[in-house]
């Protein structure tokens, strides 16, 4: 079974999220657990046990940490990604989300739709960057990458 069945986000050292960020996080986790594709190829000459997997996400020493465990919580693997390649797309995503949240309160639907299209485009770019960064470590489909990117944004928010 090549999927994530549990997600834990280590946000202990982060400031509390805004209500909008918290809602984005809850939706991303729910959607990710409902439908995702997550496989790991053999690495460093050793096989990775098949899933399902438990995923722990955190930021440690300015690196994004994927702590992958088996369903019984036994360690499967861990890998660290540099946050550098995500910085600009996360910044752009937060800016467009802020515009979107403000627009929903005051603008007509046609203008909201335009901002939302831009938001989705930046979100897709973030998912693409994540898929590239995961190459050789994990394989995820675009929907899984989009949801994981949302969770990376949540960690960036406080990081």
C-alpha atoms as a PDB file:
ATOM      1  CA  UNK A   1       0.000   0.000   0.000  1.00  0.00           C
ATOM      2  CA  UNK A   2       1.762   3.132  -1.181  1.00  0.00           C
ATOM      3  CA  UNK A   3       0.102   5.902   0.724  1.00  0.00           C
ATOM      4  CA  UNK A   4       0.262   8.076   3.805  1.00  0.00           C
ATOM      5  CA  UNK A   5      -2.200   7.088   6.540  1.00  0.00           C
ATOM      6  CA  UNK A   6      -1.126   9.500   9.294  1.00  0.00           C
ATOM      7  CA  UNK A   7       0.432  12.959   9.315  1.00  0.00           C
ATOM      8  CA  UNK A   8       2.091  14.708  12.193  1.00  0.00           C
ATOM      9  CA  UNK A   9       3.339  18.267  11.845  1.00  0.00           C
ATOM     10  CA  UNK A  10       5.886  19.353  14.417  1.00  0.00           C
ATOM     11  CA  UNK A  11       4.929  22.966  14.988  1.00  0.00           C
ATOM     12  CA  UNK A  12       5.901  23.141  18.668  1.00  0.00           C
ATOM     13  CA  UNK A  13       8.361  25.981  18.166  1.00  0.00           C
ATOM     14  CA  UNK A  14       6.198  27.973  15.774  1.00  0.00           C
ATOM     15  CA  UNK A  15       3.861  30.856  16.564  1.00  0.00           C
ATOM     16  CA  UNK A  16       0.150  30.013  16.469  1.00  0.00           C
ATOM     17  CA  UNK A  17      -1.210  30.107  12.920  1.00  0.00           C
ATOM     18  CA  UNK A  18      -3.826  32.580  11.776  1.00  0.00           C
ATOM     19  CA  UNK A  19      -7.347  31.156  11.424  1.00  0.00           C
ATOM     20  CA  UNK A  20      -6.901  31.098   7.623  1.00  0.00           C
ATOM     21  CA  UNK A  21      -3.600  29.217   7.833  1.00  0.00           C
ATOM     22  CA  UNK A  22      -5.060  26.786  10.365  1.00  0.00           C
ATOM     23  CA  UNK A  23      -8.014  26.118   8.041  1.00  0.00           C
ATOM     24  CA  UNK A  24      -5.665  25.534   5.073  1.00  0.00           C
ATOM     25  CA  UNK A  25      -3.723  23.051   7.207  1.00  0.00           C
ATOM     26  CA  UNK A  26      -6.826  21.139   8.321  1.00  0.00           C
ATOM     27  CA  UNK A  27      -8.156  20.896   4.767  1.00  0.00           C
ATOM     28  CA  UNK A  28      -4.773  19.787   3.385  1.00  0.00           C
ATOM     29  CA  UNK A  29      -4.381  17.075   6.040  1.00  0.00           C
ATOM     30  CA  UNK A  30      -7.949  15.840   5.547  1.00  0.00           C
ATOM     31  CA  UNK A  31      -7.630  15.772   1.749  1.00  0.00           C
ATOM     32  CA  UNK A  32      -4.204  14.156   1.910  1.00  0.00           C
ATOM     33  CA  UNK A  33      -5.383  11.346   4.161  1.00  0.00           C
ATOM     34  CA  UNK A  34      -8.440  10.783   1.982  1.00  0.00           C
ATOM     35  CA  UNK A  35      -6.466  10.423  -1.239  1.00  0.00           C
ATOM     36  CA  UNK A  36      -2.716  10.360  -1.775  1.00  0.00           C
ATOM     37  CA  UNK A  37       0.005   8.514  -3.602  1.00  0.00           C
ATOM     38  CA  UNK A  38       3.328   8.182  -1.819  1.00  0.00           C
ATOM     39  CA  UNK A  39       5.990   5.636  -2.769  1.00  0.00           C
ATOM     40  CA  UNK A  40       9.657   5.454  -1.967  1.00  0.00           C
ATOM     41  CA  UNK A  41      12.270   3.894  -4.220  1.00  0.00           C
ATOM     42  CA  UNK A  42      15.179   1.876  -2.846  1.00  0.00           C
ATOM     43  CA  UNK A  43      17.862   4.262  -1.577  1.00  0.00           C
ATOM     44  CA  UNK A  44      21.524   3.832  -0.834  1.00  0.00           C
ATOM     45  CA  UNK A  45      21.337   0.178  -1.857  1.00  0.00           C
ATOM     46  CA  UNK A  46      18.644  -0.734   0.648  1.00  0.00           C
ATOM     47  CA  UNK A  47      15.020  -1.473   0.097  1.00  0.00           C
ATOM     48  CA  UNK A  48      12.357   0.651   1.733  1.00  0.00           C
ATOM     49  CA  UNK A  49       9.559  -1.319   3.355  1.00  0.00           C
ATOM     50  CA  UNK A  50       6.223  -0.892   1.596  1.00  0.00           C
ATOM     51  CA  UNK A  51       3.606   1.335   3.215  1.00  0.00           C
ATOM     52  CA  UNK A  52       1.256   2.452   4.398  1.00  0.00           C
ATOM     53  CA  UNK A  53       3.316   5.216   5.969  1.00  0.00           C
ATOM     54  CA  UNK A  54       3.133   7.680   8.799  1.00  0.00           C
ATOM     55  CA  UNK A  55       4.623  11.047   7.849  1.00  0.00           C
ATOM     56  CA  UNK A  56       6.210  13.474  10.253  1.00  0.00           C
ATOM     57  CA  UNK A  57       6.984  16.931   8.862  1.00  0.00           C
ATOM     58  CA  UNK A  58       9.170  19.438  10.654  1.00  0.00           C
ATOM     59  CA  UNK A  59      11.788  22.085  10.124  1.00  0.00           C
ATOM     60  CA  UNK A  60      15.109  21.433  11.840  1.00  0.00           C
ATOM     61  CA  UNK A  61      18.240  23.477  11.371  1.00  0.00           C
ATOM     62  CA  UNK A  62      16.612  25.320   8.453  1.00  0.00           C
ATOM     63  CA  UNK A  63      15.832  22.100   6.601  1.00  0.00           C
ATOM     64  CA  UNK A  64      12.526  20.434   5.860  1.00  0.00           C
ATOM     65  CA  UNK A  65      12.485  16.990   7.471  1.00  0.00           C
ATOM     66  CA  UNK A  66      10.379  14.095   6.215  1.00  0.00           C
ATOM     67  CA  UNK A  67      10.302  11.426   8.935  1.00  0.00           C
ATOM     68  CA  UNK A  68       8.737   8.359   7.321  1.00  0.00           C
ATOM     69  CA  UNK A  69       7.547   5.543   9.539  1.00  0.00           C
ATOM     70  CA  UNK A  70       5.639   2.355   9.023  1.00  0.00           C
ATOM     71  CA  UNK A  71       2.102   1.924  10.244  1.00  0.00           C
ATOM     72  CA  UNK A  72       3.413   0.379  13.500  1.00  0.00           C
ATOM     73  CA  UNK A  73       5.587   3.523  13.975  1.00  0.00           C
ATOM     74  CA  UNK A  74       8.829   1.696  13.150  1.00  0.00           C
ATOM     75  CA  UNK A  75      11.253   3.996  11.274  1.00  0.00           C
ATOM     76  CA  UNK A  76      11.323   3.517   7.489  1.00  0.00           C
ATOM     77  CA  UNK A  77      13.557   6.413   6.426  1.00  0.00           C
ATOM     78  CA  UNK A  78      14.184  10.083   6.972  1.00  0.00           C
ATOM     79  CA  UNK A  79      15.302  12.710   4.529  1.00  0.00           C
ATOM     80  CA  UNK A  80      16.034  16.413   4.720  1.00  0.00           C
ATOM     81  CA  UNK A  81      15.376  18.984   2.012  1.00  0.00           C
ATOM     82  CA  UNK A  82      16.854  22.432   1.735  1.00  0.00           C
ATOM     83  CA  UNK A  83      14.235  25.149   2.204  1.00  0.00           C
ATOM     84  CA  UNK A  84      15.989  27.460  -0.263  1.00  0.00           C
ATOM     85  CA  UNK A  85      14.190  26.254  -3.398  1.00  0.00           C
ATOM     86  CA  UNK A  86      10.824  26.768  -1.656  1.00  0.00           C
ATOM     87  CA  UNK A  87      11.364  30.274  -0.292  1.00  0.00           C
ATOM     88  CA  UNK A  88      10.227  32.365  -3.243  1.00  0.00           C
ATOM     89  CA  UNK A  89       7.237  30.222  -4.176  1.00  0.00           C
ATOM     90  CA  UNK A  90       6.097  30.110  -0.525  1.00  0.00           C
ATOM     91  CA  UNK A  91       6.449  33.894  -0.293  1.00  0.00           C
ATOM     92  CA  UNK A  92       4.464  34.334  -3.516  1.00  0.00           C
ATOM     93  CA  UNK A  93       1.845  31.880  -2.300  1.00  0.00           C
ATOM     94  CA  UNK A  94       1.335  33.723   0.982  1.00  0.00           C
ATOM     95  CA  UNK A  95       1.053  37.053  -0.810  1.00  0.00           C
ATOM     96  CA  UNK A  96      -1.570  35.767  -3.231  1.00  0.00           C
ATOM     97  CA  UNK A  97      -3.448  33.992  -0.413  1.00  0.00           C
ATOM     98  CA  UNK A  98      -3.570  37.243   1.543  1.00  0.00           C
ATOM     99  CA  UNK A  99      -4.971  38.988  -1.527  1.00  0.00           C
ATOM    100  CA  UNK A 100      -7.482  36.181  -1.984  1.00  0.00           C
ATOM    101  CA  UNK A 101      -8.653  36.268   1.650  1.00  0.00           C
ATOM    102  CA  UNK A 102      -9.077  40.054   1.418  1.00  0.00           C
ATOM    103  CA  UNK A 103     -10.854  39.810  -1.943  1.00  0.00           C
ATOM    104  CA  UNK A 104     -13.396  37.302  -0.654  1.00  0.00           C
ATOM    105  CA  UNK A 105     -14.563  39.923   1.831  1.00  0.00           C
ATOM    106  CA  UNK A 106     -15.119  42.773  -0.604  1.00  0.00           C
ATOM    107  CA  UNK A 107     -14.673  42.044  -4.312  1.00  0.00           C
ATOM    108  CA  UNK A 108     -17.142  40.700  -6.876  1.00  0.00           C
ATOM    109  CA  UNK A 109     -16.920  37.012  -7.879  1.00  0.00           C
ATOM    110  CA  UNK A 110     -15.203  37.735 -11.223  1.00  0.00           C
ATOM    111  CA  UNK A 111     -12.258  39.422  -9.495  1.00  0.00           C
ATOM    112  CA  UNK A 112     -12.095  36.721  -6.821  1.00  0.00           C
ATOM    113  CA  UNK A 113     -11.935  34.091  -9.561  1.00  0.00           C
ATOM    114  CA  UNK A 114      -8.996  35.850 -11.222  1.00  0.00           C
ATOM    115  CA  UNK A 115      -7.058  35.962  -7.956  1.00  0.00           C
ATOM    116  CA  UNK A 116      -7.950  32.334  -7.238  1.00  0.00           C
ATOM    117  CA  UNK A 117      -6.616  31.263 -10.648  1.00  0.00           C
ATOM    118  CA  UNK A 118      -3.317  32.974  -9.850  1.00  0.00           C
ATOM    119  CA  UNK A 119      -3.288  31.321  -6.421  1.00  0.00           C
ATOM    120  CA  UNK A 120      -3.787  27.887  -7.992  1.00  0.00           C
ATOM    121  CA  UNK A 121      -0.983  28.578 -10.470  1.00  0.00           C
ATOM    122  CA  UNK A 122       1.477  29.427  -7.696  1.00  0.00           C
ATOM    123  CA  UNK A 123       0.276  26.411  -5.719  1.00  0.00           C
ATOM    124  CA  UNK A 124       0.966  24.189  -8.741  1.00  0.00           C
ATOM    125  CA  UNK A 125       4.437  25.702  -9.050  1.00  0.00           C
ATOM    126  CA  UNK A 126       5.116  24.864  -5.394  1.00  0.00           C
ATOM    127  CA  UNK A 127       3.930  21.293  -5.981  1.00  0.00           C
ATOM    128  CA  UNK A 128       6.235  21.004  -9.002  1.00  0.00           C
ATOM    129  CA  UNK A 129       9.212  22.251  -6.960  1.00  0.00           C
ATOM    130  CA  UNK A 130       8.392  19.699  -4.264  1.00  0.00           C
ATOM    131  CA  UNK A 131       8.190  16.858  -6.792  1.00  0.00           C
ATOM    132  CA  UNK A 132      11.615  17.876  -8.131  1.00  0.00           C
ATOM    133  CA  UNK A 133      13.106  18.059  -4.629  1.00  0.00           C
ATOM    134  CA  UNK A 134      11.691  14.634  -3.743  1.00  0.00           C
ATOM    135  CA  UNK A 135      13.214  13.009  -6.837  1.00  0.00           C
ATOM    136  CA  UNK A 136      15.030   9.816  -5.821  1.00  0.00           C
ATOM    137  CA  UNK A 137      13.558   9.993  -2.313  1.00  0.00           C
ATOM    138  CA  UNK A 138       9.794   9.710  -2.804  1.00  0.00           C
ATOM    139  CA  UNK A 139       7.347   9.724  -5.654  1.00  0.00           C
ATOM    140  CA  UNK A 140       4.096  11.637  -5.264  1.00  0.00           C
ATOM    141  CA  UNK A 141       1.346  12.518  -7.703  1.00  0.00           C
ATOM    142  CA  UNK A 142       0.462  16.164  -8.347  1.00  0.00           C
ATOM    143  CA  UNK A 143      -2.493  16.216  -5.918  1.00  0.00           C
ATOM    144  CA  UNK A 144      -0.353  14.765  -3.125  1.00  0.00           C
ATOM    145  CA  UNK A 145       2.414  17.257  -3.930  1.00  0.00           C
ATOM    146  CA  UNK A 146      -0.089  20.143  -3.797  1.00  0.00           C
ATOM    147  CA  UNK A 147      -1.355  19.083  -0.369  1.00  0.00           C
ATOM    148  CA  UNK A 148       2.166  18.534   0.961  1.00  0.00           C
ATOM    149  CA  UNK A 149       3.152  21.949  -0.379  1.00  0.00           C
ATOM    150  CA  UNK A 150       0.314  23.475   1.655  1.00  0.00           C
ATOM    151  CA  UNK A 151       1.729  21.818   4.775  1.00  0.00           C
ATOM    152  CA  UNK A 152       5.224  23.081   3.939  1.00  0.00           C
ATOM    153  CA  UNK A 153       3.713  26.575   3.719  1.00  0.00           C
ATOM    154  CA  UNK A 154       2.220  26.103   7.181  1.00  0.00           C
ATOM    155  CA  UNK A 155       5.673  25.257   8.526  1.00  0.00           C
ATOM    156  CA  UNK A 156       7.217  28.209   6.662  1.00  0.00           C
ATOM    157  CA  UNK A 157       4.587  30.519   8.149  1.00  0.00           C
ATOM    158  CA  UNK A 158       6.160  30.162  11.543  1.00  0.00           C
ATOM    159  CA  UNK A 159       9.666  29.307  10.465  1.00  0.00           C
END
